[in-house]
């Protein structure tokens, strides 16, 4: 399985041109704050001093997790397929926010334990009906993990547009994400686990102990793809593949919350330059996400107390990307507006 080749966006000449374009607008230097650094980042990703947002899309990957057998979720596994049905019926938060902001939404069955049959609006890329229970066995075989990665790459390669957001649905996936976070960052499991869909403090402690025991059980596993196969989910693996291919195609990657960032942790271990392409939509209220962002030296655009998933944070952040490129493209310069600049 060839891993996409991702180059750094570093470009001194273009960086200087973008700085001039941004600084010459009719405003005090730096006064648009993070919108200025965002505009520059998008320009470097797109290799142009005139960045734009075209045909933004969000991929929502759904998959089930065998580790729910350990009692790590407040909701039953059936909620995964029921929420996929809700996506298809246009009834979920991500449907509302994507429609509001002109985002094409694609729902992907990566590995849901349910037979949907042929359905309009559902991309069937089911590798298996969920993962195995990683408390006992690796969540995926190496072949299943590779297939999920390849499906993700192919989906991203087929997308038009230059912005791709990522979302997910999968009961039990905060447990998988916390295990990945621990293995890939080295942070203690206690700093990685959270309430997920609404566990009590006792439930969070139980989740922590399940992960700690599983990590000890699979103590020899350390390589990124092996960690992904052992502790991850089919939807997480498919996201990681899509992220890698989207970055190779010089698209902006709009990163959502805790689960999506766990997929990015894997992708960044494989291709560190992928981080140049990532815009971090928000800091989730799920315990551990802030530490993930700190580990990646990431600055999220929003902090709204979200912990829904589905890509909702990415959809809500997209207007800020529009604002960043629009001020570069449409705002007057000091010369064109005949406004006096700051005195030396």
C-alpha atoms as a PDB file:
ATOM      1  CA  UNK A   1       0.000   0.000   0.000  1.00  0.00           C
ATOM      2  CA  UNK A   2       1.771   3.190  -1.140  1.00  0.00           C
ATOM      3  CA  UNK A   3       1.554   6.003   1.386  1.00  0.00           C
ATOM      4  CA  UNK A   4       0.858   9.409  -0.188  1.00  0.00           C
ATOM      5  CA  UNK A   5       3.866  11.681  -0.447  1.00  0.00           C
ATOM      6  CA  UNK A   6       3.294  14.987   1.347  1.00  0.00           C
ATOM      7  CA  UNK A   7       5.616  17.955   0.920  1.00  0.00           C
ATOM      8  CA  UNK A   8       5.985  20.867   3.302  1.00  0.00           C
ATOM      9  CA  UNK A   9       4.161  24.040   2.312  1.00  0.00           C
ATOM     10  CA  UNK A  10       7.193  26.152   3.280  1.00  0.00           C
ATOM     11  CA  UNK A  11       7.959  28.682   0.530  1.00  0.00           C
ATOM     12  CA  UNK A  12       9.916  31.810   1.425  1.00  0.00           C
ATOM     13  CA  UNK A  13       9.005  33.809  -1.677  1.00  0.00           C
ATOM     14  CA  UNK A  14       5.291  33.036  -1.475  1.00  0.00           C
ATOM     15  CA  UNK A  15       5.311  33.605   2.270  1.00  0.00           C
ATOM     16  CA  UNK A  16       6.746  37.078   1.756  1.00  0.00           C
ATOM     17  CA  UNK A  17       4.186  37.826  -0.995  1.00  0.00           C
ATOM     18  CA  UNK A  18       1.326  36.768   1.269  1.00  0.00           C
ATOM     19  CA  UNK A  19       2.700  38.888   4.105  1.00  0.00           C
ATOM     20  CA  UNK A  20       2.783  41.914   1.813  1.00  0.00           C
ATOM     21  CA  UNK A  21      -0.766  41.262   0.579  1.00  0.00           C
ATOM     22  CA  UNK A  22      -2.088  40.885   4.126  1.00  0.00           C
ATOM     23  CA  UNK A  23      -0.162  43.794   5.620  1.00  0.00           C
ATOM     24  CA  UNK A  24      -1.120  46.231   2.851  1.00  0.00           C
ATOM     25  CA  UNK A  25      -4.839  45.966   3.585  1.00  0.00           C
ATOM     26  CA  UNK A  26      -6.565  48.961   5.185  1.00  0.00           C
ATOM     27  CA  UNK A  27      -6.060  47.918   8.808  1.00  0.00           C
ATOM     28  CA  UNK A  28      -3.423  48.107  11.519  1.00  0.00           C
ATOM     29  CA  UNK A  29      -0.776  45.411  11.245  1.00  0.00           C
ATOM     30  CA  UNK A  30      -1.985  42.142  12.723  1.00  0.00           C
ATOM     31  CA  UNK A  31      -5.401  43.521  13.614  1.00  0.00           C
ATOM     32  CA  UNK A  32      -7.302  40.621  12.053  1.00  0.00           C
ATOM     33  CA  UNK A  33      -5.509  38.230  14.380  1.00  0.00           C
ATOM     34  CA  UNK A  34      -5.824  34.534  13.561  1.00  0.00           C
ATOM     35  CA  UNK A  35      -7.602  35.322  10.290  1.00  0.00           C
ATOM     36  CA  UNK A  36      -4.292  36.671   9.011  1.00  0.00           C
ATOM     37  CA  UNK A  37      -2.311  33.539   9.851  1.00  0.00           C
ATOM     38  CA  UNK A  38      -5.175  31.433   8.476  1.00  0.00           C
ATOM     39  CA  UNK A  39      -5.165  33.329   5.176  1.00  0.00           C
ATOM     40  CA  UNK A  40      -1.411  32.873   4.903  1.00  0.00           C
ATOM     41  CA  UNK A  41      -1.663  29.148   5.679  1.00  0.00           C
ATOM     42  CA  UNK A  42      -4.359  28.628   3.040  1.00  0.00           C
ATOM     43  CA  UNK A  43      -2.298  30.547   0.490  1.00  0.00           C
ATOM     44  CA  UNK A  44       0.742  28.378   1.194  1.00  0.00           C
ATOM     45  CA  UNK A  45      -1.345  25.193   0.940  1.00  0.00           C
ATOM     46  CA  UNK A  46      -2.779  26.323  -2.399  1.00  0.00           C
ATOM     47  CA  UNK A  47       0.554  27.749  -3.587  1.00  0.00           C
ATOM     48  CA  UNK A  48      -0.951  31.109  -4.445  1.00  0.00           C
ATOM     49  CA  UNK A  49      -1.094  34.685  -3.155  1.00  0.00           C
ATOM     50  CA  UNK A  50      -4.814  34.686  -4.047  1.00  0.00           C
ATOM     51  CA  UNK A  51      -6.280  31.860  -1.921  1.00  0.00           C
ATOM     52  CA  UNK A  52      -9.876  30.745  -2.375  1.00  0.00           C
ATOM     53  CA  UNK A  53     -12.451  28.335  -0.959  1.00  0.00           C
ATOM     54  CA  UNK A  54     -14.004  26.118  -3.621  1.00  0.00           C
ATOM     55  CA  UNK A  55     -16.571  23.313  -3.253  1.00  0.00           C
ATOM     56  CA  UNK A  56     -15.901  22.499   0.422  1.00  0.00           C
ATOM     57  CA  UNK A  57     -16.899  19.000   1.506  1.00  0.00           C
ATOM     58  CA  UNK A  58     -17.105  16.987   4.722  1.00  0.00           C
ATOM     59  CA  UNK A  59     -16.644  13.230   4.844  1.00  0.00           C
ATOM     60  CA  UNK A  60     -18.407  11.567   7.791  1.00  0.00           C
ATOM     61  CA  UNK A  61     -17.096   8.061   8.426  1.00  0.00           C
ATOM     62  CA  UNK A  62     -19.117   5.584  10.511  1.00  0.00           C
ATOM     63  CA  UNK A  63     -17.909   2.391  12.148  1.00  0.00           C
ATOM     64  CA  UNK A  64     -18.568   0.135  15.119  1.00  0.00           C
ATOM     65  CA  UNK A  65     -16.182  -0.977  17.824  1.00  0.00           C
ATOM     66  CA  UNK A  66     -15.853  -4.365  19.489  1.00  0.00           C
ATOM     67  CA  UNK A  67     -14.552  -2.760  22.661  1.00  0.00           C
ATOM     68  CA  UNK A  68     -18.127  -1.703  23.542  1.00  0.00           C
ATOM     69  CA  UNK A  69     -18.432  -5.240  24.947  1.00  0.00           C
ATOM     70  CA  UNK A  70     -16.356  -3.943  27.869  1.00  0.00           C
ATOM     71  CA  UNK A  71     -19.087  -1.496  28.908  1.00  0.00           C
ATOM     72  CA  UNK A  72     -17.189   1.650  27.892  1.00  0.00           C
ATOM     73  CA  UNK A  73     -20.118   3.561  26.375  1.00  0.00           C
ATOM     74  CA  UNK A  74     -23.248   5.112  27.822  1.00  0.00           C
ATOM     75  CA  UNK A  75     -25.132   4.197  24.621  1.00  0.00           C
ATOM     76  CA  UNK A  76     -25.750   0.818  22.940  1.00  0.00           C
ATOM     77  CA  UNK A  77     -23.967  -0.051  19.701  1.00  0.00           C
ATOM     78  CA  UNK A  78     -27.211   0.202  17.694  1.00  0.00           C
ATOM     79  CA  UNK A  79     -26.975   3.981  18.008  1.00  0.00           C
ATOM     80  CA  UNK A  80     -24.230   3.950  15.350  1.00  0.00           C
ATOM     81  CA  UNK A  81     -26.478   2.661  12.553  1.00  0.00           C
ATOM     82  CA  UNK A  82     -29.441   4.633  13.871  1.00  0.00           C
ATOM     83  CA  UNK A  83     -27.434   7.849  13.613  1.00  0.00           C
ATOM     84  CA  UNK A  84     -26.329   6.937  10.098  1.00  0.00           C
ATOM     85  CA  UNK A  85     -30.026   6.684   9.252  1.00  0.00           C
ATOM     86  CA  UNK A  86     -30.460  10.111  10.824  1.00  0.00           C
ATOM     87  CA  UNK A  87     -27.687  11.512   8.604  1.00  0.00           C
ATOM     88  CA  UNK A  88     -29.368  10.039   5.532  1.00  0.00           C
ATOM     89  CA  UNK A  89     -32.705  11.553   6.611  1.00  0.00           C
ATOM     90  CA  UNK A  90     -31.016  14.993   6.940  1.00  0.00           C
ATOM     91  CA  UNK A  91     -31.895  15.096  10.636  1.00  0.00           C
ATOM     92  CA  UNK A  92     -28.545  15.443  12.419  1.00  0.00           C
ATOM     93  CA  UNK A  93     -26.641  18.535  13.503  1.00  0.00           C
ATOM     94  CA  UNK A  94     -24.049  18.006  10.776  1.00  0.00           C
ATOM     95  CA  UNK A  95     -26.805  18.047   8.139  1.00  0.00           C
ATOM     96  CA  UNK A  96     -28.084  21.374   9.462  1.00  0.00           C
ATOM     97  CA  UNK A  97     -24.677  23.044   9.683  1.00  0.00           C
ATOM     98  CA  UNK A  98     -23.409  21.668   6.371  1.00  0.00           C
ATOM     99  CA  UNK A  99     -26.515  22.896   4.542  1.00  0.00           C
ATOM    100  CA  UNK A 100     -26.307  26.270   6.282  1.00  0.00           C
ATOM    101  CA  UNK A 101     -22.725  26.787   5.136  1.00  0.00           C
ATOM    102  CA  UNK A 102     -22.895  25.326   1.629  1.00  0.00           C
ATOM    103  CA  UNK A 103     -20.841  22.219   2.385  1.00  0.00           C
ATOM    104  CA  UNK A 104     -21.241  18.988   0.425  1.00  0.00           C
ATOM    105  CA  UNK A 105     -21.782  16.175   2.954  1.00  0.00           C
ATOM    106  CA  UNK A 106     -20.737  12.594   2.221  1.00  0.00           C
ATOM    107  CA  UNK A 107     -21.666   9.784   4.642  1.00  0.00           C
ATOM    108  CA  UNK A 108     -19.426   6.702   4.508  1.00  0.00           C
ATOM    109  CA  UNK A 109     -20.097   3.259   5.976  1.00  0.00           C
ATOM    110  CA  UNK A 110     -16.566   2.263   6.928  1.00  0.00           C
ATOM    111  CA  UNK A 111     -17.599  -0.626   9.165  1.00  0.00           C
ATOM    112  CA  UNK A 112     -21.034  -0.378  10.765  1.00  0.00           C
ATOM    113  CA  UNK A 113     -22.524  -3.543  12.278  1.00  0.00           C
ATOM    114  CA  UNK A 114     -25.717  -3.225  10.221  1.00  0.00           C
ATOM    115  CA  UNK A 115     -26.899  -4.039   6.720  1.00  0.00           C
ATOM    116  CA  UNK A 116     -28.122  -0.814   5.158  1.00  0.00           C
ATOM    117  CA  UNK A 117     -28.553  -2.255   1.692  1.00  0.00           C
ATOM    118  CA  UNK A 118     -28.089   0.042  -1.319  1.00  0.00           C
ATOM    119  CA  UNK A 119     -29.003   3.523  -0.150  1.00  0.00           C
ATOM    120  CA  UNK A 120     -29.017   6.899  -1.821  1.00  0.00           C
ATOM    121  CA  UNK A 121     -26.550   9.157  -0.086  1.00  0.00           C
ATOM    122  CA  UNK A 122     -24.566   6.381   1.615  1.00  0.00           C
ATOM    123  CA  UNK A 123     -21.103   5.470   0.354  1.00  0.00           C
ATOM    124  CA  UNK A 124     -20.649   1.778   1.138  1.00  0.00           C
ATOM    125  CA  UNK A 125     -17.006   1.111   1.902  1.00  0.00           C
ATOM    126  CA  UNK A 126     -17.656  -1.429   4.669  1.00  0.00           C
ATOM    127  CA  UNK A 127     -14.469  -3.361   5.374  1.00  0.00           C
ATOM    128  CA  UNK A 128     -16.026  -5.449   8.164  1.00  0.00           C
ATOM    129  CA  UNK A 129     -19.092  -5.182  10.443  1.00  0.00           C
ATOM    130  CA  UNK A 130     -17.093  -3.374  13.102  1.00  0.00           C
ATOM    131  CA  UNK A 131     -13.797  -4.084  14.793  1.00  0.00           C
ATOM    132  CA  UNK A 132     -12.903  -6.794  17.266  1.00  0.00           C
ATOM    133  CA  UNK A 133     -12.602  -6.104  20.983  1.00  0.00           C
ATOM    134  CA  UNK A 134      -9.086  -4.755  21.442  1.00  0.00           C
ATOM    135  CA  UNK A 135      -9.201  -5.717  25.106  1.00  0.00           C
ATOM    136  CA  UNK A 136      -8.495  -9.219  23.781  1.00  0.00           C
ATOM    137  CA  UNK A 137      -7.501  -9.086  20.110  1.00  0.00           C
ATOM    138  CA  UNK A 138      -6.211  -6.477  17.689  1.00  0.00           C
ATOM    139  CA  UNK A 139      -9.150  -4.363  16.538  1.00  0.00           C
ATOM    140  CA  UNK A 140      -8.289  -4.972  12.886  1.00  0.00           C
ATOM    141  CA  UNK A 141      -6.096  -7.323  10.931  1.00  0.00           C
ATOM    142  CA  UNK A 142      -3.286  -5.667   9.006  1.00  0.00           C
ATOM    143  CA  UNK A 143      -5.241  -6.351   5.796  1.00  0.00           C
ATOM    144  CA  UNK A 144      -8.418  -4.733   7.150  1.00  0.00           C
ATOM    145  CA  UNK A 145      -6.498  -1.662   8.300  1.00  0.00           C
ATOM    146  CA  UNK A 146      -4.789  -1.367   4.912  1.00  0.00           C
ATOM    147  CA  UNK A 147      -8.131  -1.712   3.101  1.00  0.00           C
ATOM    148  CA  UNK A 148      -9.654   1.044   5.247  1.00  0.00           C
ATOM    149  CA  UNK A 149      -6.718   3.351   4.559  1.00  0.00           C
ATOM    150  CA  UNK A 150      -6.957   2.676   0.821  1.00  0.00           C
ATOM    151  CA  UNK A 151     -10.703   3.348   0.748  1.00  0.00           C
ATOM    152  CA  UNK A 152     -10.092   6.658   2.519  1.00  0.00           C
ATOM    153  CA  UNK A 153      -7.401   7.635   0.041  1.00  0.00           C
ATOM    154  CA  UNK A 154      -9.651   6.824  -2.910  1.00  0.00           C
ATOM    155  CA  UNK A 155     -12.559   8.824  -1.483  1.00  0.00           C
ATOM    156  CA  UNK A 156     -10.371  11.890  -0.952  1.00  0.00           C
ATOM    157  CA  UNK A 157      -8.857  11.555  -4.419  1.00  0.00           C
ATOM    158  CA  UNK A 158     -12.324  11.641  -5.996  1.00  0.00           C
ATOM    159  CA  UNK A 159     -13.508  14.773  -4.186  1.00  0.00           C
ATOM    160  CA  UNK A 160     -13.676  18.062  -6.088  1.00  0.00           C
ATOM    161  CA  UNK A 161     -12.885  21.305  -4.322  1.00  0.00           C
ATOM    162  CA  UNK A 162      -9.990  22.433  -2.173  1.00  0.00           C
ATOM    163  CA  UNK A 163     -11.284  22.046   1.413  1.00  0.00           C
ATOM    164  CA  UNK A 164     -12.062  18.701   3.060  1.00  0.00           C
ATOM    165  CA  UNK A 165     -13.503  18.396   6.551  1.00  0.00           C
ATOM    166  CA  UNK A 166     -13.697  15.184   8.522  1.00  0.00           C
ATOM    167  CA  UNK A 167     -16.361  13.797  10.830  1.00  0.00           C
ATOM    168  CA  UNK A 168     -17.217  10.464  12.410  1.00  0.00           C
ATOM    169  CA  UNK A 169     -19.859   8.351  14.094  1.00  0.00           C
ATOM    170  CA  UNK A 170     -19.167   5.223  16.095  1.00  0.00           C
ATOM    171  CA  UNK A 171     -20.276   4.154  19.544  1.00  0.00           C
ATOM    172  CA  UNK A 172     -17.109   3.304  21.464  1.00  0.00           C
ATOM    173  CA  UNK A 173     -14.804   5.405  19.334  1.00  0.00           C
ATOM    174  CA  UNK A 174     -13.709   7.735  22.146  1.00  0.00           C
ATOM    175  CA  UNK A 175     -12.198   4.625  23.774  1.00  0.00           C
ATOM    176  CA  UNK A 176     -10.308   3.779  20.581  1.00  0.00           C
ATOM    177  CA  UNK A 177      -9.198   7.402  20.179  1.00  0.00           C
ATOM    178  CA  UNK A 178      -7.978   7.608  23.784  1.00  0.00           C
ATOM    179  CA  UNK A 179      -5.953   4.414  23.328  1.00  0.00           C
ATOM    180  CA  UNK A 180      -4.409   5.796  20.123  1.00  0.00           C
ATOM    181  CA  UNK A 181      -3.675   9.079  21.855  1.00  0.00           C
ATOM    182  CA  UNK A 182      -1.876   7.325  24.715  1.00  0.00           C
ATOM    183  CA  UNK A 183       0.215   5.162  22.387  1.00  0.00           C
ATOM    184  CA  UNK A 184       1.115   7.953  19.964  1.00  0.00           C
ATOM    185  CA  UNK A 185       1.744  10.802  22.416  1.00  0.00           C
ATOM    186  CA  UNK A 186       3.032   8.915  25.451  1.00  0.00           C
ATOM    187  CA  UNK A 187       0.622  10.764  27.738  1.00  0.00           C
ATOM    188  CA  UNK A 188      -0.828   8.735  30.628  1.00  0.00           C
ATOM    189  CA  UNK A 189      -4.125   7.014  29.862  1.00  0.00           C
ATOM    190  CA  UNK A 190      -5.747   9.013  32.670  1.00  0.00           C
ATOM    191  CA  UNK A 191      -5.049  12.209  30.680  1.00  0.00           C
ATOM    192  CA  UNK A 192      -6.518  10.726  27.502  1.00  0.00           C
ATOM    193  CA  UNK A 193      -9.904   9.363  28.597  1.00  0.00           C
ATOM    194  CA  UNK A 194     -13.117  11.340  28.980  1.00  0.00           C
ATOM    195  CA  UNK A 195     -16.849  10.960  29.335  1.00  0.00           C
ATOM    196  CA  UNK A 196     -17.522  10.348  25.632  1.00  0.00           C
ATOM    197  CA  UNK A 197     -21.279  10.241  25.136  1.00  0.00           C
ATOM    198  CA  UNK A 198     -21.904  10.863  28.831  1.00  0.00           C
ATOM    199  CA  UNK A 199     -20.218   8.394  31.155  1.00  0.00           C
ATOM    200  CA  UNK A 200     -20.262   8.967  34.907  1.00  0.00           C
ATOM    201  CA  UNK A 201     -16.960   9.479  36.738  1.00  0.00           C
ATOM    202  CA  UNK A 202     -17.070   5.766  37.622  1.00  0.00           C
ATOM    203  CA  UNK A 203     -17.621   4.960  33.953  1.00  0.00           C
ATOM    204  CA  UNK A 204     -14.635   7.077  32.913  1.00  0.00           C
ATOM    205  CA  UNK A 205     -12.445   5.270  35.444  1.00  0.00           C
ATOM    206  CA  UNK A 206     -13.656   1.922  34.085  1.00  0.00           C
ATOM    207  CA  UNK A 207     -12.822   3.052  30.541  1.00  0.00           C
ATOM    208  CA  UNK A 208      -9.356   4.055  31.721  1.00  0.00           C
ATOM    209  CA  UNK A 209      -8.769   0.632  33.272  1.00  0.00           C
ATOM    210  CA  UNK A 210      -9.969  -1.157  30.133  1.00  0.00           C
ATOM    211  CA  UNK A 211      -7.504   0.834  28.019  1.00  0.00           C
ATOM    212  CA  UNK A 212      -4.633   0.349  30.475  1.00  0.00           C
ATOM    213  CA  UNK A 213      -5.191  -3.416  30.519  1.00  0.00           C
ATOM    214  CA  UNK A 214      -5.417  -3.523  26.722  1.00  0.00           C
ATOM    215  CA  UNK A 215      -2.224  -1.518  26.325  1.00  0.00           C
ATOM    216  CA  UNK A 216      -0.429  -3.936  28.640  1.00  0.00           C
ATOM    217  CA  UNK A 217      -1.913  -6.890  26.724  1.00  0.00           C
ATOM    218  CA  UNK A 218      -0.559  -5.484  23.434  1.00  0.00           C
ATOM    219  CA  UNK A 219       2.648  -4.103  24.931  1.00  0.00           C
ATOM    220  CA  UNK A 220       4.833  -4.962  21.925  1.00  0.00           C
ATOM    221  CA  UNK A 221       2.817  -2.791  19.523  1.00  0.00           C
ATOM    222  CA  UNK A 222       4.499   0.544  18.768  1.00  0.00           C
ATOM    223  CA  UNK A 223       4.708   1.296  15.026  1.00  0.00           C
ATOM    224  CA  UNK A 224       2.006   3.793  13.943  1.00  0.00           C
ATOM    225  CA  UNK A 225       0.158   1.516  11.518  1.00  0.00           C
ATOM    226  CA  UNK A 226       0.349  -1.369  13.992  1.00  0.00           C
ATOM    227  CA  UNK A 227      -1.032   0.901  16.728  1.00  0.00           C
ATOM    228  CA  UNK A 228      -3.857   1.943  14.396  1.00  0.00           C
ATOM    229  CA  UNK A 229      -4.725  -1.664  13.546  1.00  0.00           C
ATOM    230  CA  UNK A 230      -4.564  -2.770  17.178  1.00  0.00           C
ATOM    231  CA  UNK A 231      -6.481   0.011  18.913  1.00  0.00           C
ATOM    232  CA  UNK A 232      -8.201   2.030  16.200  1.00  0.00           C
ATOM    233  CA  UNK A 233     -11.471   1.811  14.317  1.00  0.00           C
ATOM    234  CA  UNK A 234     -12.334   1.274  10.694  1.00  0.00           C
ATOM    235  CA  UNK A 235     -13.725   4.813  10.503  1.00  0.00           C
ATOM    236  CA  UNK A 236     -10.557   6.194  12.117  1.00  0.00           C
ATOM    237  CA  UNK A 237      -8.309   4.300   9.692  1.00  0.00           C
ATOM    238  CA  UNK A 238     -10.391   5.424   6.707  1.00  0.00           C
ATOM    239  CA  UNK A 239     -10.165   9.035   7.922  1.00  0.00           C
ATOM    240  CA  UNK A 240      -6.391   8.772   8.256  1.00  0.00           C
ATOM    241  CA  UNK A 241      -6.136   7.529   4.669  1.00  0.00           C
ATOM    242  CA  UNK A 242      -8.385  10.311   3.405  1.00  0.00           C
ATOM    243  CA  UNK A 243      -6.342  12.919   5.264  1.00  0.00           C
ATOM    244  CA  UNK A 244      -3.084  11.679   3.760  1.00  0.00           C
ATOM    245  CA  UNK A 245      -4.429  11.733   0.204  1.00  0.00           C
ATOM    246  CA  UNK A 246      -6.154  15.116   0.637  1.00  0.00           C
ATOM    247  CA  UNK A 247      -2.897  16.672   1.841  1.00  0.00           C
ATOM    248  CA  UNK A 248      -1.014  15.124  -1.080  1.00  0.00           C
ATOM    249  CA  UNK A 249      -3.551  16.882  -3.340  1.00  0.00           C
ATOM    250  CA  UNK A 250      -2.848  20.220  -1.579  1.00  0.00           C
ATOM    251  CA  UNK A 251      -6.308  20.525  -0.072  1.00  0.00           C
ATOM    252  CA  UNK A 252      -7.046  22.295   3.208  1.00  0.00           C
ATOM    253  CA  UNK A 253      -7.807  19.715   5.909  1.00  0.00           C
ATOM    254  CA  UNK A 254     -10.490  20.917   8.305  1.00  0.00           C
ATOM    255  CA  UNK A 255      -9.933  18.961  11.529  1.00  0.00           C
ATOM    256  CA  UNK A 256     -12.854  18.463  13.912  1.00  0.00           C
ATOM    257  CA  UNK A 257     -12.671  17.107  17.456  1.00  0.00           C
ATOM    258  CA  UNK A 258     -11.231  14.302  19.548  1.00  0.00           C
ATOM    259  CA  UNK A 259     -11.838  11.311  17.251  1.00  0.00           C
ATOM    260  CA  UNK A 260     -10.822  13.118  14.073  1.00  0.00           C
ATOM    261  CA  UNK A 261      -7.657  14.390  15.735  1.00  0.00           C
ATOM    262  CA  UNK A 262      -6.784  10.838  16.814  1.00  0.00           C
ATOM    263  CA  UNK A 263      -6.818   9.865  13.126  1.00  0.00           C
ATOM    264  CA  UNK A 264      -4.558  12.835  12.420  1.00  0.00           C
ATOM    265  CA  UNK A 265      -2.138  11.682  15.143  1.00  0.00           C
ATOM    266  CA  UNK A 266      -1.667   8.491  13.136  1.00  0.00           C
ATOM    267  CA  UNK A 267      -1.343  10.317   9.812  1.00  0.00           C
ATOM    268  CA  UNK A 268       1.170  12.779  11.291  1.00  0.00           C
ATOM    269  CA  UNK A 269       3.339   9.946  12.608  1.00  0.00           C
ATOM    270  CA  UNK A 270       3.470   8.554   9.068  1.00  0.00           C
ATOM    271  CA  UNK A 271       3.849  11.913   7.231  1.00  0.00           C
ATOM    272  CA  UNK A 272       4.713  14.783   9.614  1.00  0.00           C
ATOM    273  CA  UNK A 273       4.332  17.422   6.863  1.00  0.00           C
ATOM    274  CA  UNK A 274       0.564  16.778   6.866  1.00  0.00           C
ATOM    275  CA  UNK A 275       0.272  19.242   9.754  1.00  0.00           C
ATOM    276  CA  UNK A 276       1.023  22.119   7.358  1.00  0.00           C
ATOM    277  CA  UNK A 277      -2.330  21.397   5.688  1.00  0.00           C
ATOM    278  CA  UNK A 278      -4.445  21.193   8.842  1.00  0.00           C
ATOM    279  CA  UNK A 279      -6.815  23.866  10.089  1.00  0.00           C
ATOM    280  CA  UNK A 280      -8.029  22.955  13.569  1.00  0.00           C
ATOM    281  CA  UNK A 281     -11.676  23.921  13.756  1.00  0.00           C
ATOM    282  CA  UNK A 282     -12.205  23.915  17.502  1.00  0.00           C
ATOM    283  CA  UNK A 283     -11.148  22.598  20.891  1.00  0.00           C
ATOM    284  CA  UNK A 284     -13.603  19.911  21.951  1.00  0.00           C
ATOM    285  CA  UNK A 285     -15.003  19.642  25.434  1.00  0.00           C
ATOM    286  CA  UNK A 286     -14.044  15.968  25.390  1.00  0.00           C
ATOM    287  CA  UNK A 287     -11.313  15.507  27.975  1.00  0.00           C
ATOM    288  CA  UNK A 288      -8.009  14.921  26.233  1.00  0.00           C
ATOM    289  CA  UNK A 289      -8.603  16.972  23.099  1.00  0.00           C
ATOM    290  CA  UNK A 290      -6.829  20.037  24.449  1.00  0.00           C
ATOM    291  CA  UNK A 291      -3.815  17.846  25.238  1.00  0.00           C
ATOM    292  CA  UNK A 292      -3.920  16.406  21.727  1.00  0.00           C
ATOM    293  CA  UNK A 293      -3.906  19.921  20.281  1.00  0.00           C
ATOM    294  CA  UNK A 294      -1.063  20.954  22.584  1.00  0.00           C
ATOM    295  CA  UNK A 295       0.925  17.898  21.487  1.00  0.00           C
ATOM    296  CA  UNK A 296       0.469  18.983  17.860  1.00  0.00           C
ATOM    297  CA  UNK A 297       1.204  22.681  18.663  1.00  0.00           C
ATOM    298  CA  UNK A 298      -2.209  23.450  17.164  1.00  0.00           C
ATOM    299  CA  UNK A 299      -4.273  26.627  17.591  1.00  0.00           C
ATOM    300  CA  UNK A 300      -7.996  25.902  17.244  1.00  0.00           C
ATOM    301  CA  UNK A 301     -10.228  28.543  15.681  1.00  0.00           C
ATOM    302  CA  UNK A 302     -13.195  28.046  18.019  1.00  0.00           C
ATOM    303  CA  UNK A 303     -13.893  27.010  21.581  1.00  0.00           C
ATOM    304  CA  UNK A 304     -17.628  26.417  21.927  1.00  0.00           C
ATOM    305  CA  UNK A 305     -17.765  23.533  24.395  1.00  0.00           C
ATOM    306  CA  UNK A 306     -18.679  21.111  21.593  1.00  0.00           C
ATOM    307  CA  UNK A 307     -18.340  17.352  22.010  1.00  0.00           C
ATOM    308  CA  UNK A 308     -20.791  15.999  19.434  1.00  0.00           C
ATOM    309  CA  UNK A 309     -18.483  14.839  16.681  1.00  0.00           C
ATOM    310  CA  UNK A 310     -19.974  14.276  13.212  1.00  0.00           C
ATOM    311  CA  UNK A 311     -17.720  17.022  11.823  1.00  0.00           C
ATOM    312  CA  UNK A 312     -19.920  19.706  13.370  1.00  0.00           C
ATOM    313  CA  UNK A 313     -16.995  21.819  14.574  1.00  0.00           C
ATOM    314  CA  UNK A 314     -15.526  21.828  11.080  1.00  0.00           C
ATOM    315  CA  UNK A 315     -18.816  22.908   9.524  1.00  0.00           C
ATOM    316  CA  UNK A 316     -19.165  25.734  12.028  1.00  0.00           C
ATOM    317  CA  UNK A 317     -15.595  26.935  11.397  1.00  0.00           C
ATOM    318  CA  UNK A 318     -15.841  27.063   7.603  1.00  0.00           C
ATOM    319  CA  UNK A 319     -17.161  30.674   7.524  1.00  0.00           C
ATOM    320  CA  UNK A 320     -13.883  31.747   9.127  1.00  0.00           C
ATOM    321  CA  UNK A 321     -11.972  30.214   6.205  1.00  0.00           C
ATOM    322  CA  UNK A 322     -14.197  32.177   3.831  1.00  0.00           C
ATOM    323  CA  UNK A 323     -13.499  35.345   5.837  1.00  0.00           C
ATOM    324  CA  UNK A 324      -9.746  34.740   5.714  1.00  0.00           C
ATOM    325  CA  UNK A 325      -9.542  34.362   1.941  1.00  0.00           C
ATOM    326  CA  UNK A 326     -12.141  37.046   1.267  1.00  0.00           C
ATOM    327  CA  UNK A 327     -10.303  39.801   3.109  1.00  0.00           C
ATOM    328  CA  UNK A 328      -7.179  39.002   1.091  1.00  0.00           C
ATOM    329  CA  UNK A 329      -9.096  39.018  -2.165  1.00  0.00           C
ATOM    330  CA  UNK A 330     -11.598  41.801  -1.621  1.00  0.00           C
ATOM    331  CA  UNK A 331     -10.357  44.259   0.994  1.00  0.00           C
ATOM    332  CA  UNK A 332      -8.848  47.530  -0.238  1.00  0.00           C
ATOM    333  CA  UNK A 333      -5.162  48.330   0.125  1.00  0.00           C
ATOM    334  CA  UNK A 334      -3.909  51.594   1.578  1.00  0.00           C
ATOM    335  CA  UNK A 335      -3.005  52.720  -1.955  1.00  0.00           C
ATOM    336  CA  UNK A 336      -6.276  51.760  -3.648  1.00  0.00           C
ATOM    337  CA  UNK A 337      -8.381  53.373  -0.912  1.00  0.00           C
ATOM    338  CA  UNK A 338      -6.051  56.371  -0.604  1.00  0.00           C
ATOM    339  CA  UNK A 339      -5.825  55.834   3.139  1.00  0.00           C
ATOM    340  CA  UNK A 340      -2.745  57.125   4.909  1.00  0.00           C
ATOM    341  CA  UNK A 341      -0.517  54.456   6.430  1.00  0.00           C
ATOM    342  CA  UNK A 342       0.962  54.509   9.918  1.00  0.00           C
ATOM    343  CA  UNK A 343       3.732  57.072  10.361  1.00  0.00           C
ATOM    344  CA  UNK A 344       7.257  55.730  10.643  1.00  0.00           C
END
